[in-house]
């Protein structure tokens, strides 16, 4: 008997929940995008300051050295930065293919944050003042030295930082746009309902 009573209540609740879910998700996604926009400002202005994601990014960076080590010394050194950028980029692709454009914009924000992180490391190539995990050789001192570009470390770092800023701005604008328009497109509404 309780199964009969609960079933209609569950159906009514589900219908009411589906109506409010899109609006609630919109609000949460707008809030998240706003929080990332605000959090990104100090990250952009002072990327050398330690932030919450830096430890995660560092672990991913160090894993990249292991992943790319079999492809030679140069790729082993470059692999840290490649993996640090490729992993969040893989999330962008994953969410984009699932038609969750907002989640893709959040992952794209992470790519931007990693660009700022990388810019600090590139800028330090000549000075080598940053503490290195396990000692060893400075990735970007090695890479730029091998390429004969060591004297351009500050200019390259600025380019990477500006690229990160452009990606950040795009991710925030896209995130706001996708969050705001959430549920207005039938395909996106269906994809969101399907993912839930």
C-alpha atoms as a PDB file:
ATOM      1  CA  UNK A   1       0.000   0.000   0.000  1.00  0.00           C
ATOM      2  CA  UNK A   2       2.787   2.442   0.827  1.00  0.00           C
ATOM      3  CA  UNK A   3       4.263   1.805  -2.630  1.00  0.00           C
ATOM      4  CA  UNK A   4       1.039   3.016  -4.252  1.00  0.00           C
ATOM      5  CA  UNK A   5       0.942   6.177  -2.125  1.00  0.00           C
ATOM      6  CA  UNK A   6       4.611   6.993  -2.691  1.00  0.00           C
ATOM      7  CA  UNK A   7       4.525   6.474  -6.422  1.00  0.00           C
ATOM      8  CA  UNK A   8       2.100   9.363  -7.180  1.00  0.00           C
ATOM      9  CA  UNK A   9       3.937  11.603  -4.693  1.00  0.00           C
ATOM     10  CA  UNK A  10       7.246  10.700  -6.277  1.00  0.00           C
ATOM     11  CA  UNK A  11       5.827  11.526  -9.717  1.00  0.00           C
ATOM     12  CA  UNK A  12       4.463  14.881  -8.544  1.00  0.00           C
ATOM     13  CA  UNK A  13       7.757  15.655  -6.828  1.00  0.00           C
ATOM     14  CA  UNK A  14       9.697  14.666  -9.945  1.00  0.00           C
ATOM     15  CA  UNK A  15       7.589  16.943 -12.154  1.00  0.00           C
ATOM     16  CA  UNK A  16       7.957  19.867  -9.725  1.00  0.00           C
ATOM     17  CA  UNK A  17      11.672  19.140  -9.371  1.00  0.00           C
ATOM     18  CA  UNK A  18      12.174  19.134 -13.142  1.00  0.00           C
ATOM     19  CA  UNK A  19      10.527  22.555 -13.391  1.00  0.00           C
ATOM     20  CA  UNK A  20      12.746  24.080 -10.743  1.00  0.00           C
ATOM     21  CA  UNK A  21      15.910  22.173 -11.637  1.00  0.00           C
ATOM     22  CA  UNK A  22      16.676  24.200 -14.747  1.00  0.00           C
ATOM     23  CA  UNK A  23      16.269  27.495 -12.884  1.00  0.00           C
ATOM     24  CA  UNK A  24      18.296  26.239  -9.913  1.00  0.00           C
ATOM     25  CA  UNK A  25      21.048  24.961 -12.195  1.00  0.00           C
ATOM     26  CA  UNK A  26      21.075  28.298 -13.998  1.00  0.00           C
ATOM     27  CA  UNK A  27      21.538  30.137 -10.689  1.00  0.00           C
ATOM     28  CA  UNK A  28      24.264  27.782  -9.501  1.00  0.00           C
ATOM     29  CA  UNK A  29      26.104  28.016 -12.803  1.00  0.00           C
ATOM     30  CA  UNK A  30      25.857  31.812 -12.851  1.00  0.00           C
ATOM     31  CA  UNK A  31      27.151  31.901  -9.277  1.00  0.00           C
ATOM     32  CA  UNK A  32      30.023  29.524 -10.124  1.00  0.00           C
ATOM     33  CA  UNK A  33      31.001  31.558 -13.169  1.00  0.00           C
ATOM     34  CA  UNK A  34      30.910  34.747 -11.112  1.00  0.00           C
ATOM     35  CA  UNK A  35      33.039  33.130  -8.409  1.00  0.00           C
ATOM     36  CA  UNK A  36      35.577  31.957 -11.006  1.00  0.00           C
ATOM     37  CA  UNK A  37      35.641  35.453 -12.523  1.00  0.00           C
ATOM     38  CA  UNK A  38      36.371  36.995  -9.117  1.00  0.00           C
ATOM     39  CA  UNK A  39      38.855  34.297  -8.114  1.00  0.00           C
ATOM     40  CA  UNK A  40      40.603  34.683 -11.464  1.00  0.00           C
ATOM     41  CA  UNK A  41      41.401  38.366 -10.944  1.00  0.00           C
ATOM     42  CA  UNK A  42      44.037  37.882  -8.212  1.00  0.00           C
ATOM     43  CA  UNK A  43      45.294  34.778 -10.045  1.00  0.00           C
ATOM     44  CA  UNK A  44      45.841  36.902 -13.150  1.00  0.00           C
ATOM     45  CA  UNK A  45      47.297  39.915 -11.365  1.00  0.00           C
ATOM     46  CA  UNK A  46      49.665  37.913  -9.131  1.00  0.00           C
ATOM     47  CA  UNK A  47      50.090  34.434 -10.609  1.00  0.00           C
ATOM     48  CA  UNK A  48      53.241  33.877  -8.551  1.00  0.00           C
ATOM     49  CA  UNK A  49      51.184  33.886  -5.322  1.00  0.00           C
ATOM     50  CA  UNK A  50      50.188  30.422  -4.204  1.00  0.00           C
ATOM     51  CA  UNK A  51      46.535  29.554  -4.780  1.00  0.00           C
ATOM     52  CA  UNK A  52      44.271  26.622  -4.007  1.00  0.00           C
ATOM     53  CA  UNK A  53      44.675  24.881  -7.374  1.00  0.00           C
ATOM     54  CA  UNK A  54      48.467  25.192  -7.491  1.00  0.00           C
ATOM     55  CA  UNK A  55      49.032  21.935  -5.603  1.00  0.00           C
ATOM     56  CA  UNK A  56      46.716  20.080  -7.985  1.00  0.00           C
ATOM     57  CA  UNK A  57      48.399  21.687 -10.992  1.00  0.00           C
ATOM     58  CA  UNK A  58      51.838  20.793  -9.626  1.00  0.00           C
ATOM     59  CA  UNK A  59      50.893  17.125  -9.229  1.00  0.00           C
ATOM     60  CA  UNK A  60      49.561  17.059 -12.792  1.00  0.00           C
ATOM     61  CA  UNK A  61      52.714  18.821 -14.027  1.00  0.00           C
ATOM     62  CA  UNK A  62      55.001  16.302 -12.337  1.00  0.00           C
ATOM     63  CA  UNK A  63      52.944  13.399 -13.707  1.00  0.00           C
ATOM     64  CA  UNK A  64      53.445  14.857 -17.183  1.00  0.00           C
ATOM     65  CA  UNK A  65      57.203  14.374 -16.853  1.00  0.00           C
ATOM     66  CA  UNK A  66      56.626  10.664 -16.255  1.00  0.00           C
ATOM     67  CA  UNK A  67      54.115  10.360 -19.090  1.00  0.00           C
ATOM     68  CA  UNK A  68      56.372  12.049 -21.644  1.00  0.00           C
ATOM     69  CA  UNK A  69      59.741  10.704 -20.411  1.00  0.00           C
ATOM     70  CA  UNK A  70      59.712   7.745 -22.856  1.00  0.00           C
ATOM     71  CA  UNK A  71      59.740  10.233 -25.766  1.00  0.00           C
ATOM     72  CA  UNK A  72      63.199  11.595 -25.011  1.00  0.00           C
ATOM     73  CA  UNK A  73      64.830  14.143 -22.765  1.00  0.00           C
ATOM     74  CA  UNK A  74      63.377  17.257 -24.404  1.00  0.00           C
ATOM     75  CA  UNK A  75      59.838  15.859 -24.336  1.00  0.00           C
ATOM     76  CA  UNK A  76      60.365  14.695 -20.764  1.00  0.00           C
ATOM     77  CA  UNK A  77      61.099  18.273 -19.712  1.00  0.00           C
ATOM     78  CA  UNK A  78      58.309  19.723 -21.863  1.00  0.00           C
ATOM     79  CA  UNK A  79      55.889  17.002 -20.771  1.00  0.00           C
ATOM     80  CA  UNK A  80      55.191  18.602 -17.411  1.00  0.00           C
ATOM     81  CA  UNK A  81      53.822  21.757 -18.985  1.00  0.00           C
ATOM     82  CA  UNK A  82      52.116  19.872 -21.827  1.00  0.00           C
ATOM     83  CA  UNK A  83      50.269  17.600 -19.423  1.00  0.00           C
ATOM     84  CA  UNK A  84      49.418  20.511 -17.133  1.00  0.00           C
ATOM     85  CA  UNK A  85      47.640  22.182 -20.065  1.00  0.00           C
ATOM     86  CA  UNK A  86      46.366  19.051 -21.828  1.00  0.00           C
ATOM     87  CA  UNK A  87      44.515  17.563 -18.865  1.00  0.00           C
ATOM     88  CA  UNK A  88      42.142  20.515 -18.319  1.00  0.00           C
ATOM     89  CA  UNK A  89      41.847  20.852 -22.113  1.00  0.00           C
ATOM     90  CA  UNK A  90      40.711  17.214 -22.215  1.00  0.00           C
ATOM     91  CA  UNK A  91      37.912  18.142 -19.800  1.00  0.00           C
ATOM     92  CA  UNK A  92      36.926  20.995 -22.111  1.00  0.00           C
ATOM     93  CA  UNK A  93      36.605  18.522 -24.990  1.00  0.00           C
ATOM     94  CA  UNK A  94      34.790  15.955 -22.843  1.00  0.00           C
ATOM     95  CA  UNK A  95      32.135  18.395 -21.617  1.00  0.00           C
ATOM     96  CA  UNK A  96      31.796  20.004 -25.038  1.00  0.00           C
ATOM     97  CA  UNK A  97      31.084  16.618 -26.606  1.00  0.00           C
ATOM     98  CA  UNK A  98      28.474  15.963 -23.910  1.00  0.00           C
ATOM     99  CA  UNK A  99      26.848  19.293 -24.880  1.00  0.00           C
ATOM    100  CA  UNK A 100      27.514  20.762 -21.444  1.00  0.00           C
ATOM    101  CA  UNK A 101      28.919  24.036 -22.689  1.00  0.00           C
ATOM    102  CA  UNK A 102      28.967  25.621 -19.262  1.00  0.00           C
ATOM    103  CA  UNK A 103      31.055  22.813 -17.756  1.00  0.00           C
ATOM    104  CA  UNK A 104      33.378  23.161 -20.747  1.00  0.00           C
ATOM    105  CA  UNK A 105      33.775  26.868 -19.939  1.00  0.00           C
ATOM    106  CA  UNK A 106      34.701  26.000 -16.335  1.00  0.00           C
ATOM    107  CA  UNK A 107      37.367  23.592 -17.572  1.00  0.00           C
ATOM    108  CA  UNK A 108      38.536  26.272 -20.014  1.00  0.00           C
ATOM    109  CA  UNK A 109      38.932  28.632 -17.044  1.00  0.00           C
ATOM    110  CA  UNK A 110      41.222  25.979 -15.554  1.00  0.00           C
ATOM    111  CA  UNK A 111      43.303  26.024 -18.748  1.00  0.00           C
ATOM    112  CA  UNK A 112      43.668  29.806 -18.337  1.00  0.00           C
ATOM    113  CA  UNK A 113      44.718  29.423 -14.703  1.00  0.00           C
ATOM    114  CA  UNK A 114      47.336  26.887 -15.783  1.00  0.00           C
ATOM    115  CA  UNK A 115      48.661  29.307 -18.395  1.00  0.00           C
ATOM    116  CA  UNK A 116      49.276  31.841 -15.631  1.00  0.00           C
ATOM    117  CA  UNK A 117      51.007  29.147 -13.600  1.00  0.00           C
ATOM    118  CA  UNK A 118      53.195  28.211 -16.551  1.00  0.00           C
ATOM    119  CA  UNK A 119      54.031  31.884 -17.201  1.00  0.00           C
ATOM    120  CA  UNK A 120      55.574  32.130 -13.720  1.00  0.00           C
ATOM    121  CA  UNK A 121      57.743  29.090 -14.427  1.00  0.00           C
ATOM    122  CA  UNK A 122      58.821  30.366 -17.857  1.00  0.00           C
ATOM    123  CA  UNK A 123      59.677  33.802 -16.416  1.00  0.00           C
ATOM    124  CA  UNK A 124      61.935  32.122 -13.851  1.00  0.00           C
ATOM    125  CA  UNK A 125      64.056  30.336 -16.484  1.00  0.00           C
ATOM    126  CA  UNK A 126      67.132  32.578 -16.118  1.00  0.00           C
ATOM    127  CA  UNK A 127      66.757  33.484 -12.424  1.00  0.00           C
ATOM    128  CA  UNK A 128      65.880  29.933 -11.310  1.00  0.00           C
ATOM    129  CA  UNK A 129      64.638  31.290  -7.989  1.00  0.00           C
ATOM    130  CA  UNK A 130      61.556  29.034  -7.709  1.00  0.00           C
ATOM    131  CA  UNK A 131      61.897  25.977  -5.481  1.00  0.00           C
ATOM    132  CA  UNK A 132      61.836  22.823  -7.579  1.00  0.00           C
ATOM    133  CA  UNK A 133      60.181  19.554  -6.601  1.00  0.00           C
ATOM    134  CA  UNK A 134      62.976  17.133  -5.782  1.00  0.00           C
ATOM    135  CA  UNK A 135      65.658  19.593  -6.846  1.00  0.00           C
ATOM    136  CA  UNK A 136      66.754  18.751 -10.372  1.00  0.00           C
ATOM    137  CA  UNK A 137      66.973  20.958 -13.417  1.00  0.00           C
ATOM    138  CA  UNK A 138      64.593  23.819 -14.152  1.00  0.00           C
ATOM    139  CA  UNK A 139      62.293  22.723 -17.008  1.00  0.00           C
ATOM    140  CA  UNK A 140      62.146  26.051 -18.767  1.00  0.00           C
ATOM    141  CA  UNK A 141      65.835  26.858 -18.274  1.00  0.00           C
ATOM    142  CA  UNK A 142      66.577  23.571 -20.010  1.00  0.00           C
ATOM    143  CA  UNK A 143      63.956  23.990 -22.763  1.00  0.00           C
ATOM    144  CA  UNK A 144      64.725  27.597 -23.607  1.00  0.00           C
ATOM    145  CA  UNK A 145      68.455  26.926 -23.300  1.00  0.00           C
ATOM    146  CA  UNK A 146      68.234  24.060 -25.792  1.00  0.00           C
ATOM    147  CA  UNK A 147      66.267  26.262 -28.192  1.00  0.00           C
ATOM    148  CA  UNK A 148      68.613  29.221 -27.729  1.00  0.00           C
ATOM    149  CA  UNK A 149      65.730  31.342 -26.419  1.00  0.00           C
ATOM    150  CA  UNK A 150      66.758  31.721 -22.786  1.00  0.00           C
ATOM    151  CA  UNK A 151      67.136  35.494 -23.108  1.00  0.00           C
ATOM    152  CA  UNK A 152      63.460  35.667 -24.154  1.00  0.00           C
ATOM    153  CA  UNK A 153      62.101  34.043 -20.982  1.00  0.00           C
ATOM    154  CA  UNK A 154      60.324  37.208 -19.782  1.00  0.00           C
ATOM    155  CA  UNK A 155      58.813  37.960 -23.187  1.00  0.00           C
ATOM    156  CA  UNK A 156      57.600  34.360 -23.606  1.00  0.00           C
ATOM    157  CA  UNK A 157      56.210  34.388 -20.068  1.00  0.00           C
ATOM    158  CA  UNK A 158      54.267  37.545 -20.860  1.00  0.00           C
ATOM    159  CA  UNK A 159      52.887  35.925 -24.020  1.00  0.00           C
ATOM    160  CA  UNK A 160      51.729  32.872 -22.033  1.00  0.00           C
ATOM    161  CA  UNK A 161      50.180  35.120 -19.373  1.00  0.00           C
ATOM    162  CA  UNK A 162      48.341  37.210 -21.976  1.00  0.00           C
ATOM    163  CA  UNK A 163      47.130  34.024 -23.671  1.00  0.00           C
ATOM    164  CA  UNK A 164      45.834  32.877 -20.287  1.00  0.00           C
ATOM    165  CA  UNK A 165      44.059  36.225 -19.816  1.00  0.00           C
ATOM    166  CA  UNK A 166      42.376  35.906 -23.223  1.00  0.00           C
ATOM    167  CA  UNK A 167      41.271  32.343 -22.447  1.00  0.00           C
ATOM    168  CA  UNK A 168      40.028  33.487 -19.021  1.00  0.00           C
ATOM    169  CA  UNK A 169      37.951  36.297 -20.501  1.00  0.00           C
ATOM    170  CA  UNK A 170      36.482  33.994 -23.126  1.00  0.00           C
ATOM    171  CA  UNK A 171      35.729  31.295 -20.516  1.00  0.00           C
ATOM    172  CA  UNK A 172      33.932  33.778 -18.259  1.00  0.00           C
ATOM    173  CA  UNK A 173      31.891  35.367 -21.058  1.00  0.00           C
ATOM    174  CA  UNK A 174      31.028  31.950 -22.490  1.00  0.00           C
ATOM    175  CA  UNK A 175      30.224  30.584 -19.043  1.00  0.00           C
ATOM    176  CA  UNK A 176      27.838  33.444 -18.322  1.00  0.00           C
ATOM    177  CA  UNK A 177      26.245  33.085 -21.738  1.00  0.00           C
ATOM    178  CA  UNK A 178      25.782  29.315 -21.452  1.00  0.00           C
ATOM    179  CA  UNK A 179      24.516  29.541 -17.876  1.00  0.00           C
ATOM    180  CA  UNK A 180      22.090  32.333 -18.707  1.00  0.00           C
ATOM    181  CA  UNK A 181      20.686  30.588 -21.776  1.00  0.00           C
ATOM    182  CA  UNK A 182      20.525  27.218 -20.024  1.00  0.00           C
ATOM    183  CA  UNK A 183      17.313  25.416 -20.788  1.00  0.00           C
ATOM    184  CA  UNK A 184      16.287  27.794 -23.550  1.00  0.00           C
ATOM    185  CA  UNK A 185      17.623  25.510 -26.266  1.00  0.00           C
ATOM    186  CA  UNK A 186      15.755  22.175 -26.521  1.00  0.00           C
ATOM    187  CA  UNK A 187      18.981  20.213 -27.168  1.00  0.00           C
ATOM    188  CA  UNK A 188      20.704  21.632 -24.109  1.00  0.00           C
ATOM    189  CA  UNK A 189      17.654  21.029 -21.915  1.00  0.00           C
ATOM    190  CA  UNK A 190      17.528  17.428 -23.101  1.00  0.00           C
ATOM    191  CA  UNK A 191      21.274  16.975 -22.567  1.00  0.00           C
ATOM    192  CA  UNK A 192      21.056  18.441 -19.058  1.00  0.00           C
ATOM    193  CA  UNK A 193      18.106  16.229 -18.141  1.00  0.00           C
ATOM    194  CA  UNK A 194      19.885  13.217 -19.618  1.00  0.00           C
ATOM    195  CA  UNK A 195      23.085  13.926 -17.656  1.00  0.00           C
ATOM    196  CA  UNK A 196      21.137  14.235 -14.391  1.00  0.00           C
END
